[in-house]
Amino acid sequence: MRSPWKGPFIDPRLNRNLFISRPPYGDKKRRQPAVIHTHLRGTTIPPSFVNNRIAVHTGNVFRSFVCRRFMIGHRFGEFIVSKKLGKIIHLKKKKKKKKGKK
């Protein structure tokens, strides 16, 4: 729990990346804004991030989501699952084929 007198932790680099004009990616017709990447899962989501696409690092890959109004005040890591769930854990390893004699 962070002390109330300190205020929420917001990385200044994220705010800088938000306001820098970035070239669009993908289809030219859509003109979607660029994704902002971060490794900081403990950063508090400020109101300026609403309706922006954020990619958060899970320790293995980046997972992206769109910030919505109800997410303000929460942390980035709360909306991204960093652990493998379900069948992925319990998959059996495939047996290697044995090479026959020639």
N, C-alpha and C. Protein backbone atom coordinates (compact mmCIF):
# COMPACT_ATOMS: atom_id res chain seq x y z
N MET A 1 0.84 -1.18 0.00
CA MET A 1 0.00 0.00 0.00
C MET A 1 0.89 1.24 0.00
N ARG A 2 0.62 2.12 -0.92
CA ARG A 2 1.40 3.34 -1.03
C ARG A 2 0.85 4.41 -0.10
N SER A 3 1.73 5.20 0.50
CA SER A 3 1.30 6.26 1.41
C SER A 3 0.44 7.29 0.67
N PRO A 4 -0.67 7.71 1.29
CA PRO A 4 -1.55 8.67 0.61
C PRO A 4 -0.90 10.02 0.32
N TRP A 5 0.04 10.44 1.17
CA TRP A 5 0.65 11.74 0.96
C TRP A 5 1.57 11.75 -0.26
N LYS A 6 2.04 10.57 -0.70
CA LYS A 6 2.89 10.50 -1.89
C LYS A 6 2.09 10.63 -3.18
N GLY A 7 0.83 10.21 -3.14
CA GLY A 7 0.02 10.25 -4.36
C GLY A 7 0.24 8.98 -5.18
N PRO A 8 -0.48 8.82 -6.28
CA PRO A 8 -0.35 7.61 -7.10
C PRO A 8 0.97 7.59 -7.85
N PHE A 9 1.52 6.38 -8.06
CA PHE A 9 2.76 6.24 -8.81
C PHE A 9 2.43 6.19 -10.30
N ILE A 10 2.90 7.19 -11.02
CA ILE A 10 2.75 7.23 -12.47
C ILE A 10 4.13 7.51 -13.05
N ASP A 11 4.61 6.62 -13.88
CA ASP A 11 5.94 6.78 -14.45
C ASP A 11 5.94 7.96 -15.43
N PRO A 12 6.86 8.91 -15.28
CA PRO A 12 6.87 10.08 -16.17
C PRO A 12 7.14 9.72 -17.63
N ARG A 13 7.83 8.60 -17.88
CA ARG A 13 8.10 8.20 -19.27
C ARG A 13 6.81 7.82 -19.99
N LEU A 14 5.83 7.26 -19.26
CA LEU A 14 4.56 6.90 -19.89
C LEU A 14 3.80 8.15 -20.34
N ASN A 15 3.78 9.18 -19.52
CA ASN A 15 3.12 10.43 -19.91
C ASN A 15 3.81 11.06 -21.11
N ARG A 16 5.13 10.98 -21.15
CA ARG A 16 5.86 11.53 -22.29
C ARG A 16 5.50 10.78 -23.57
N ASN A 17 5.43 9.44 -23.49
CA ASN A 17 5.09 8.63 -24.66
C ASN A 17 3.66 8.88 -25.10
N LEU A 18 2.79 9.20 -24.18
CA LEU A 18 1.39 9.43 -24.52
C LEU A 18 1.22 10.69 -25.36
N PHE A 19 1.97 11.73 -25.05
CA PHE A 19 1.78 13.01 -25.72
C PHE A 19 2.70 13.23 -26.91
N ILE A 20 3.66 12.34 -27.14
CA ILE A 20 4.50 12.44 -28.33
C ILE A 20 3.67 11.98 -29.52
N SER A 21 3.71 12.73 -30.59
CA SER A 21 2.95 12.31 -31.77
C SER A 21 3.66 11.11 -32.39
N ARG A 22 2.92 10.02 -32.57
CA ARG A 22 3.49 8.79 -33.07
C ARG A 22 2.81 8.46 -34.40
N PRO A 23 3.56 7.86 -35.30
CA PRO A 23 2.95 7.52 -36.59
C PRO A 23 1.94 6.39 -36.43
N PRO A 24 0.88 6.38 -37.23
CA PRO A 24 -0.10 5.31 -37.16
C PRO A 24 0.48 4.01 -37.71
N TYR A 25 -0.11 2.90 -37.34
CA TYR A 25 0.35 1.61 -37.82
C TYR A 25 -0.83 0.87 -38.42
N GLY A 26 -0.54 -0.22 -39.08
CA GLY A 26 -1.61 -1.07 -39.61
C GLY A 26 -2.20 -0.51 -40.89
N ASP A 27 -3.46 -0.79 -41.12
CA ASP A 27 -4.16 -0.39 -42.33
C ASP A 27 -4.26 1.13 -42.41
N LYS A 28 -3.99 1.69 -43.58
CA LYS A 28 -4.02 3.14 -43.74
C LYS A 28 -5.43 3.70 -43.58
N LYS A 29 -6.44 2.89 -43.88
CA LYS A 29 -7.81 3.37 -43.78
C LYS A 29 -8.23 3.55 -42.33
N ARG A 30 -7.75 2.70 -41.45
CA ARG A 30 -8.16 2.75 -40.04
C ARG A 30 -7.45 3.84 -39.27
N ARG A 31 -6.15 4.06 -39.53
CA ARG A 31 -5.35 5.06 -38.83
C ARG A 31 -5.44 4.91 -37.31
N GLN A 32 -5.12 3.71 -36.84
CA GLN A 32 -5.16 3.46 -35.40
C GLN A 32 -3.91 4.05 -34.74
N PRO A 33 -4.03 4.56 -33.53
CA PRO A 33 -2.86 5.11 -32.85
C PRO A 33 -1.90 4.00 -32.43
N ALA A 34 -0.65 4.38 -32.20
CA ALA A 34 0.37 3.42 -31.81
C ALA A 34 0.12 2.90 -30.40
N VAL A 35 0.67 1.73 -30.11
CA VAL A 35 0.54 1.11 -28.79
C VAL A 35 1.67 1.61 -27.91
N ILE A 36 1.36 1.94 -26.66
CA ILE A 36 2.37 2.37 -25.70
C ILE A 36 2.79 1.15 -24.90
N HIS A 37 4.09 0.80 -24.96
CA HIS A 37 4.61 -0.37 -24.26
C HIS A 37 5.18 0.03 -22.90
N THR A 38 4.96 -0.84 -21.91
CA THR A 38 5.53 -0.60 -20.59
C THR A 38 5.84 -1.93 -19.89
N HIS A 39 6.85 -1.88 -19.05
CA HIS A 39 7.19 -3.03 -18.21
C HIS A 39 6.67 -2.84 -16.79
N LEU A 40 6.17 -1.65 -16.49
CA LEU A 40 5.80 -1.29 -15.13
C LEU A 40 4.35 -1.67 -14.84
N ARG A 41 4.14 -2.84 -14.27
CA ARG A 41 2.79 -3.33 -13.97
C ARG A 41 2.20 -2.62 -12.76
N GLY A 42 3.03 -1.99 -11.94
CA GLY A 42 2.55 -1.34 -10.73
C GLY A 42 2.19 0.13 -10.92
N THR A 43 2.25 0.61 -12.15
CA THR A 43 1.92 2.01 -12.41
C THR A 43 0.41 2.21 -12.34
N THR A 44 -0.03 3.26 -11.67
CA THR A 44 -1.45 3.59 -11.57
C THR A 44 -1.93 4.20 -12.88
N ILE A 45 -3.14 3.84 -13.31
CA ILE A 45 -3.68 4.34 -14.56
C ILE A 45 -4.30 5.73 -14.32
N PRO A 46 -3.74 6.78 -14.96
CA PRO A 46 -4.30 8.13 -14.80
C PRO A 46 -5.44 8.37 -15.79
N PRO A 47 -6.23 9.40 -15.60
CA PRO A 47 -7.34 9.69 -16.51
C PRO A 47 -6.91 10.00 -17.94
N SER A 48 -5.67 10.43 -18.14
CA SER A 48 -5.21 10.78 -19.48
C SER A 48 -5.03 9.56 -20.38
N PHE A 49 -5.05 8.36 -19.83
CA PHE A 49 -4.84 7.16 -20.61
C PHE A 49 -6.13 6.54 -21.13
N VAL A 50 -7.27 7.12 -20.83
CA VAL A 50 -8.55 6.55 -21.24
C VAL A 50 -8.63 6.51 -22.77
N ASN A 51 -9.10 5.39 -23.31
CA ASN A 51 -9.26 5.13 -24.74
C ASN A 51 -7.93 5.03 -25.49
N ASN A 52 -6.84 4.72 -24.80
CA ASN A 52 -5.56 4.46 -25.44
C ASN A 52 -5.21 3.00 -25.29
N ARG A 53 -4.48 2.45 -26.26
CA ARG A 53 -4.05 1.06 -26.21
C ARG A 53 -2.70 0.98 -25.51
N ILE A 54 -2.62 0.17 -24.46
CA ILE A 54 -1.42 0.00 -23.66
C ILE A 54 -0.99 -1.46 -23.74
N ALA A 55 0.30 -1.71 -23.95
CA ALA A 55 0.84 -3.07 -23.94
C ALA A 55 1.70 -3.22 -22.69
N VAL A 56 1.34 -4.18 -21.85
CA VAL A 56 2.03 -4.41 -20.57
C VAL A 56 2.80 -5.71 -20.66
N HIS A 57 4.03 -5.71 -20.17
CA HIS A 57 4.87 -6.91 -20.22
C HIS A 57 4.50 -7.87 -19.11
N THR A 58 4.32 -9.16 -19.44
CA THR A 58 3.93 -10.14 -18.44
C THR A 58 5.12 -10.89 -17.86
N GLY A 59 6.30 -10.59 -18.34
CA GLY A 59 7.48 -11.35 -17.95
C GLY A 59 7.93 -12.22 -19.09
N ASN A 60 7.04 -12.43 -20.06
CA ASN A 60 7.35 -13.25 -21.22
C ASN A 60 7.03 -12.51 -22.51
N VAL A 61 5.84 -11.97 -22.60
CA VAL A 61 5.39 -11.25 -23.79
C VAL A 61 4.63 -9.99 -23.39
N PHE A 62 4.36 -9.13 -24.36
CA PHE A 62 3.54 -7.96 -24.12
C PHE A 62 2.09 -8.30 -24.42
N ARG A 63 1.19 -7.96 -23.52
CA ARG A 63 -0.26 -8.13 -23.71
C ARG A 63 -0.87 -6.74 -23.75
N SER A 64 -1.72 -6.50 -24.75
CA SER A 64 -2.28 -5.16 -24.87
C SER A 64 -3.76 -5.14 -24.50
N PHE A 65 -4.21 -3.97 -24.08
CA PHE A 65 -5.61 -3.74 -23.77
C PHE A 65 -5.90 -2.26 -23.94
N VAL A 66 -7.16 -1.93 -24.06
CA VAL A 66 -7.58 -0.54 -24.19
C VAL A 66 -8.04 -0.06 -22.81
N CYS A 67 -7.49 1.05 -22.35
CA CYS A 67 -7.87 1.60 -21.05
C CYS A 67 -9.27 2.20 -21.14
N ARG A 68 -10.11 1.86 -20.19
CA ARG A 68 -11.47 2.38 -20.13
C ARG A 68 -11.63 3.22 -18.87
N ARG A 69 -12.74 3.90 -18.76
CA ARG A 69 -12.97 4.84 -17.66
C ARG A 69 -12.97 4.14 -16.30
N PHE A 70 -13.51 2.93 -16.22
CA PHE A 70 -13.58 2.24 -14.91
C PHE A 70 -12.22 1.79 -14.42
N MET A 71 -11.18 1.81 -15.27
CA MET A 71 -9.85 1.36 -14.89
C MET A 71 -9.02 2.44 -14.19
N ILE A 72 -9.49 3.67 -14.18
CA ILE A 72 -8.73 4.78 -13.60
C ILE A 72 -8.51 4.51 -12.11
N GLY A 73 -7.27 4.67 -11.66
CA GLY A 73 -6.93 4.46 -10.26
C GLY A 73 -6.43 3.06 -9.96
N HIS A 74 -6.65 2.11 -10.87
CA HIS A 74 -6.14 0.75 -10.70
C HIS A 74 -4.74 0.67 -11.28
N ARG A 75 -4.12 -0.50 -11.17
CA ARG A 75 -2.77 -0.70 -11.70
C ARG A 75 -2.85 -1.42 -13.03
N PHE A 76 -1.84 -1.25 -13.88
CA PHE A 76 -1.81 -1.93 -15.18
C PHE A 76 -1.80 -3.44 -15.02
N GLY A 77 -1.10 -3.95 -14.02
CA GLY A 77 -0.97 -5.38 -13.82
C GLY A 77 -2.26 -6.09 -13.43
N GLU A 78 -3.26 -5.33 -12.96
CA GLU A 78 -4.51 -5.95 -12.54
C GLU A 78 -5.32 -6.48 -13.72
N PHE A 79 -5.09 -5.96 -14.91
CA PHE A 79 -5.89 -6.32 -16.06
C PHE A 79 -5.19 -7.28 -17.01
N ILE A 80 -3.97 -7.67 -16.68
CA ILE A 80 -3.20 -8.58 -17.53
C ILE A 80 -2.83 -9.81 -16.70
N VAL A 81 -3.18 -10.99 -17.20
CA VAL A 81 -2.85 -12.24 -16.52
C VAL A 81 -1.42 -12.62 -16.89
N SER A 82 -0.59 -12.87 -15.90
CA SER A 82 0.82 -13.18 -16.16
C SER A 82 1.11 -14.67 -16.00
N LYS A 83 0.12 -15.44 -15.59
CA LYS A 83 0.34 -16.88 -15.39
C LYS A 83 -0.41 -17.68 -16.43
N LYS A 84 0.11 -18.87 -16.71
CA LYS A 84 -0.56 -19.76 -17.65
C LYS A 84 -1.73 -20.43 -16.93
N LEU A 85 -2.84 -20.52 -17.62
CA LEU A 85 -4.03 -21.10 -17.02
C LEU A 85 -4.55 -22.26 -17.86
N GLY A 86 -5.23 -23.18 -17.20
CA GLY A 86 -5.98 -24.22 -17.91
C GLY A 86 -5.13 -25.29 -18.56
N LYS A 87 -5.51 -25.65 -19.78
CA LYS A 87 -4.89 -26.78 -20.48
C LYS A 87 -3.43 -26.54 -20.84
N ILE A 88 -3.02 -25.29 -20.91
CA ILE A 88 -1.64 -25.00 -21.31
C ILE A 88 -0.65 -25.63 -20.34
N ILE A 89 -1.00 -25.66 -19.08
CA ILE A 89 -0.10 -26.22 -18.06
C ILE A 89 -0.01 -27.73 -18.19
N HIS A 90 -1.13 -28.37 -18.53
CA HIS A 90 -1.22 -29.82 -18.46
C HIS A 90 -1.03 -30.52 -19.79
N LEU A 91 -0.58 -29.82 -20.81
CA LEU A 91 -0.37 -30.47 -22.09
C LEU A 91 0.76 -31.50 -21.98
N LYS A 92 0.55 -32.63 -22.60
CA LYS A 92 1.59 -33.66 -22.58
C LYS A 92 2.62 -33.34 -23.65
N LYS A 93 3.85 -33.68 -23.36
CA LYS A 93 4.89 -33.47 -24.35
C LYS A 93 4.74 -34.50 -25.46
N LYS A 94 4.95 -34.06 -26.68
CA LYS A 94 4.84 -34.98 -27.82
C LYS A 94 6.07 -35.88 -27.82
N LYS A 95 5.82 -37.12 -28.13
CA LYS A 95 6.94 -38.07 -28.20
C LYS A 95 7.70 -37.85 -29.49
N LYS A 96 9.02 -37.92 -29.39
CA LYS A 96 9.86 -37.76 -30.58
C LYS A 96 9.83 -39.06 -31.37
N LYS A 97 9.81 -38.91 -32.69
CA LYS A 97 9.84 -40.08 -33.54
C LYS A 97 11.25 -40.65 -33.56
N LYS A 98 11.32 -41.97 -33.47
CA LYS A 98 12.61 -42.62 -33.51
C LYS A 98 13.03 -42.77 -34.96
N LYS A 99 14.29 -42.52 -35.22
CA LYS A 99 14.80 -42.66 -36.57
C LYS A 99 15.07 -44.13 -36.86
N GLY A 100 14.54 -44.59 -37.96
CA GLY A 100 14.73 -45.99 -38.35
C GLY A 100 16.07 -46.19 -39.02
N LYS A 101 16.50 -47.45 -39.08
CA LYS A 101 17.78 -47.76 -39.73
C LYS A 101 17.58 -47.69 -41.24
N LYS A 102 18.59 -47.20 -41.93
CA LYS A 102 18.53 -47.07 -43.39
C LYS A 102 19.15 -48.26 -44.06
